[in-house]
Protein backbone atom coordinates (compact mmCIF):
# COMPACT_ATOMS: atom_id res chain seq x y z
CA MET A 1 116.11 -2.68 -58.16
CA ILE A 2 118.51 -4.37 -60.59
CA GLY A 3 121.89 -5.62 -59.43
CA ILE A 4 124.38 -6.89 -62.03
CA THR A 5 127.65 -8.57 -61.02
CA ASN A 6 130.40 -9.86 -63.32
CA LEU A 7 127.88 -10.42 -66.11
CA GLU A 8 128.98 -11.97 -69.39
CA ILE A 9 126.48 -11.75 -72.24
CA GLY A 10 126.32 -13.49 -75.60
CA TYR A 11 124.98 -16.61 -77.25
CA SER A 12 125.35 -20.36 -76.87
CA SER A 13 125.17 -22.89 -79.71
CA LYS A 14 126.00 -26.59 -79.61
CA GLY A 15 127.72 -26.19 -76.27
CA LYS A 16 129.93 -23.33 -77.43
CA HIS A 17 129.70 -19.78 -76.07
CA LYS A 18 130.14 -16.62 -78.09
CA ALA A 19 130.66 -13.70 -75.73
CA VAL A 20 129.51 -10.26 -76.83
CA PHE A 21 130.44 -8.29 -73.70
CA LYS A 22 131.75 -9.27 -70.28
CA ASP A 23 132.65 -8.00 -66.81
CA ILE A 24 129.45 -5.93 -66.52
CA SER A 25 128.73 -4.78 -62.98
CA MET A 26 126.32 -2.04 -61.91
CA SER A 27 123.34 -1.17 -59.74
CA LEU A 28 120.25 0.43 -61.25
CA ASN A 29 117.88 1.95 -58.74
CA ALA A 30 114.32 3.16 -58.30
CA GLY A 31 113.87 6.62 -59.82
CA ASP A 32 116.67 6.16 -62.36
CA LEU A 33 116.00 7.04 -66.00
CA VAL A 34 118.92 5.17 -67.53
CA GLY A 35 120.20 5.87 -71.02
CA LEU A 36 121.95 2.90 -72.67
CA MET A 37 124.29 4.06 -75.42
CA GLY A 38 126.82 2.57 -77.82
CA ASP A 39 127.44 1.88 -81.50
CA ASN A 40 125.35 -0.59 -83.47
CA GLY A 41 126.49 -4.16 -82.88
CA ILE A 42 128.19 -3.41 -79.58
CA GLY A 43 125.74 -5.53 -77.59
CA LYS A 44 123.04 -3.18 -76.29
CA SER A 45 120.10 -5.34 -77.38
CA THR A 46 121.86 -8.48 -76.12
CA PHE A 47 122.36 -6.76 -72.77
CA LEU A 48 118.68 -5.79 -72.55
CA LYS A 49 117.51 -9.26 -73.54
CA THR A 50 119.74 -10.75 -70.86
CA ILE A 51 118.70 -8.50 -67.98
CA THR A 52 115.02 -9.03 -68.83
CA GLY A 53 115.33 -12.82 -68.81
CA ASN A 54 114.82 -13.30 -72.55
CA LEU A 55 118.38 -14.55 -73.07
CA PRO A 56 120.42 -16.61 -70.59
CA ALA A 57 123.56 -15.01 -69.20
CA LEU A 58 126.78 -16.80 -70.09
CA SER A 59 128.00 -16.12 -66.55
CA GLY A 60 127.53 -13.71 -63.69
CA SER A 61 124.57 -12.64 -61.60
CA ILE A 62 121.40 -10.61 -62.23
CA THR A 63 119.08 -9.78 -59.36
CA ILE A 64 115.78 -7.95 -59.62
CA GLN A 65 114.49 -6.56 -56.35
CA SER A 66 117.14 -8.68 -54.56
CA LYS A 67 115.94 -11.93 -56.18
CA GLN A 68 117.89 -13.86 -58.82
CA ILE A 69 116.19 -13.42 -62.20
CA LYS A 70 116.37 -17.16 -62.86
CA ASP A 71 114.21 -17.75 -59.78
CA TYR A 72 111.24 -15.77 -61.15
CA ALA A 73 108.29 -17.53 -62.72
CA ALA A 74 107.27 -15.89 -66.01
CA LYS A 75 104.01 -14.42 -64.65
CA GLU A 76 105.76 -13.17 -61.53
CA LEU A 77 108.46 -11.45 -63.60
CA ALA A 78 105.78 -9.86 -65.80
CA LYS A 79 104.47 -8.03 -62.73
CA VAL A 80 107.91 -6.59 -62.04
CA LEU A 81 109.37 -5.87 -65.46
CA SER A 82 108.01 -4.91 -68.88
CA ILE A 83 109.89 -4.51 -72.15
CA VAL A 84 109.22 -2.69 -75.43
CA VAL A 85 111.16 -3.69 -78.54
CA THR A 86 111.21 -2.25 -82.06
CA GLU A 87 110.31 -5.42 -83.95
CA LYS A 88 106.98 -5.30 -85.76
CA ILE A 89 104.36 -7.61 -84.27
CA GLY A 90 101.31 -8.80 -86.22
CA GLY A 91 97.98 -7.72 -84.84
CA PHE A 92 95.86 -10.83 -85.51
CA ASN A 93 92.80 -8.54 -85.92
CA LEU A 94 93.43 -6.88 -82.58
CA THR A 95 92.57 -3.24 -82.03
CA ALA A 96 94.98 -0.80 -80.46
CA ARG A 97 92.99 -1.03 -77.24
CA ASP A 98 93.14 -4.83 -77.30
CA VAL A 99 96.93 -4.69 -77.48
CA VAL A 100 97.20 -2.19 -74.62
CA ALA A 101 94.75 -4.27 -72.56
CA ALA A 102 97.12 -7.24 -72.96
CA GLY A 103 99.38 -5.42 -70.52
CA ARG A 104 96.90 -6.41 -67.80
CA ILE A 105 97.18 -10.17 -68.47
CA PRO A 106 99.47 -10.83 -65.46
CA TYR A 107 96.75 -9.44 -63.17
CA ILE A 108 93.44 -10.69 -64.56
CA ASN A 109 91.36 -13.38 -62.89
CA LEU A 110 90.85 -16.97 -63.98
CA LEU A 111 87.95 -15.93 -66.20
CA GLY A 112 90.27 -13.68 -68.17
CA LYS A 113 88.02 -10.66 -67.73
CA LEU A 114 89.26 -7.14 -67.11
CA SER A 115 87.97 -5.52 -63.95
CA PRO A 116 86.69 -1.93 -63.95
CA GLU A 117 90.06 -0.94 -62.43
CA ASP A 118 91.88 -2.71 -65.28
CA GLU A 119 89.73 -0.86 -67.82
CA THR A 120 90.61 2.46 -66.17
CA ILE A 121 94.33 1.64 -66.25
CA VAL A 122 94.13 0.74 -69.95
CA ASP A 123 92.31 3.97 -70.82
CA ARG A 124 94.83 6.00 -68.82
CA ALA A 125 97.73 4.42 -70.72
CA LEU A 126 96.05 5.14 -74.06
CA ASP A 127 95.41 8.72 -73.01
CA GLN A 128 99.01 9.28 -71.89
CA LEU A 129 100.22 8.52 -75.42
CA ASN A 130 97.34 10.45 -77.09
CA LEU A 131 96.00 7.19 -78.54
CA MET A 132 92.33 7.41 -77.59
CA PRO A 133 91.28 8.50 -81.12
CA LEU A 134 92.99 5.34 -82.47
CA LYS A 135 91.83 2.86 -79.82
CA ASP A 136 89.36 1.05 -82.11
CA LYS A 137 91.64 0.85 -85.16
CA LEU A 138 93.25 -2.48 -85.99
CA ILE A 139 96.91 -2.56 -85.01
CA ASP A 140 97.86 -3.64 -88.56
CA GLU A 141 96.21 -0.47 -89.93
CA LEU A 142 98.42 1.84 -87.89
CA SER A 143 101.63 3.51 -89.00
CA ASP A 144 104.94 2.30 -87.59
CA GLY A 145 105.05 5.27 -85.23
CA GLN A 146 101.48 4.75 -84.02
CA ARG A 147 102.10 1.05 -83.50
CA GLN A 148 105.23 1.80 -81.48
CA LYS A 149 103.24 4.14 -79.24
CA VAL A 150 100.64 1.38 -78.71
CA MET A 151 103.37 -1.02 -77.55
CA ILE A 152 104.68 1.62 -75.15
CA ALA A 153 101.15 2.18 -73.82
CA LYS A 154 100.85 -1.59 -73.29
CA SER A 155 103.98 -1.43 -71.14
CA LEU A 156 102.53 1.47 -69.14
CA ALA A 157 99.30 -0.51 -68.61
CA GLN A 158 101.37 -3.39 -67.25
CA GLN A 159 102.28 -1.08 -64.34
CA THR A 160 105.64 -2.65 -63.58
CA PRO A 161 108.21 -0.92 -61.35
CA ILE A 162 110.83 -1.57 -64.06
CA ILE A 163 110.40 -0.70 -67.75
CA VAL A 164 112.94 -1.50 -70.46
CA LEU A 165 112.67 0.12 -73.90
CA ASP A 166 114.93 -0.86 -76.81
CA GLU A 167 115.06 2.04 -79.32
CA PRO A 168 111.49 3.16 -78.51
CA THR A 169 111.77 6.36 -80.57
CA ALA A 170 112.84 4.63 -83.80
CA PHE A 171 109.56 5.40 -85.62
CA LEU A 172 108.44 8.50 -83.72
CA ASP A 173 108.48 12.09 -84.96
CA HIS A 174 110.35 14.82 -83.08
CA SER A 175 107.38 15.93 -80.97
CA SER A 176 106.40 12.37 -80.03
CA LYS A 177 109.98 11.57 -78.99
CA HIS A 178 110.03 14.43 -76.51
CA GLN A 179 106.51 13.62 -75.31
CA LEU A 180 107.58 10.03 -74.62
CA PHE A 181 110.76 10.95 -72.75
CA SER A 182 108.86 13.55 -70.73
CA ILE A 183 106.39 10.83 -69.66
CA LEU A 184 109.24 8.46 -68.79
CA LYS A 185 111.00 11.10 -66.71
CA GLN A 186 107.75 11.85 -64.87
CA LEU A 187 107.19 8.15 -64.12
CA CYS A 188 110.67 7.94 -62.61
CA SER A 189 110.42 11.08 -60.51
CA GLU A 190 106.80 10.74 -59.35
CA GLN A 191 106.34 6.95 -59.15
CA GLY A 192 109.90 5.85 -58.48
CA LYS A 193 110.09 3.57 -61.50
CA LEU A 194 113.38 2.33 -62.92
CA ILE A 195 113.35 2.88 -66.68
CA ILE A 196 116.12 1.79 -69.03
CA VAL A 197 116.12 3.20 -72.56
CA SER A 198 118.49 2.48 -75.44
CA SER A 199 118.68 5.22 -78.04
CA HIS A 200 121.02 6.82 -80.56
CA ASP A 201 119.38 10.21 -79.99
CA LEU A 202 121.99 11.97 -77.87
CA GLU A 203 119.87 15.14 -77.64
CA LEU A 204 117.08 13.22 -75.90
CA MET A 205 119.55 11.45 -73.65
CA ARG A 206 121.27 14.66 -72.54
CA THR A 207 117.93 16.37 -71.93
CA TYR A 208 116.12 13.70 -69.90
CA ILE A 209 118.25 10.90 -68.42
CA ASN A 210 119.87 11.02 -64.99
CA LYS A 211 122.15 7.99 -65.46
CA SER A 212 124.09 6.79 -68.49
CA VAL A 213 125.50 3.40 -69.39
CA THR A 214 127.86 3.45 -72.39
CA MET A 215 129.17 0.30 -74.06
CA ALA A 216 132.23 0.73 -76.31
CA GLU A 217 134.74 -1.31 -78.29
CA GLY A 218 137.36 -3.15 -76.30
CA ASN A 219 134.84 -4.21 -73.68
CA VAL A 220 134.78 -0.71 -72.21
CA LEU A 221 131.81 0.04 -69.96
CA LYS A 222 131.13 3.49 -68.48
CA VAL A 223 128.39 4.07 -65.92
CA LEU A 224 127.81 7.73 -64.99
């Protein structure tokens, strides 16, 4: 699903490049639950931003479903790949259900109206994360953990074959962490999704993932 060849990641400013990590090559396939690990500051978030098209690669190649990522239109990419980050996002008077329903935007018609099928998909995503009792609450009224679960439900409602989650368990309690990883593992095994998760929780990683990517000092990359 994702092919990465000789990738160099980092940032550009005023024509100058600052590399964070280089020589990254790997294949990530349907059904993989990939755990991305490494110390803070090593480049995990930069890597995720790059492979999801939110940050240009300094060099190298990224293909998604055999197509260069740079050749995707934004709406087309949104039907293939969804991402969940840990940054807080203002709700603008949106309810939890409104936010989850936004996951259907790539699919809705010109009138911007959800179809009955869309409504069912949204409700299913809310139910998977036990969010139905909170669906009518404003997103800004929710706790950090509840808000994070809403963003994950939005990604599930987007129904992409690839899901990328950057520290999704940061605000979740122990039970919710395991519930989330159990859902992710089920999506990989039953629906053939490719899911990439960064986390510092080694217990969760050892319990659920079937592929690990470890980034370490000295530009050391291990894919197991």
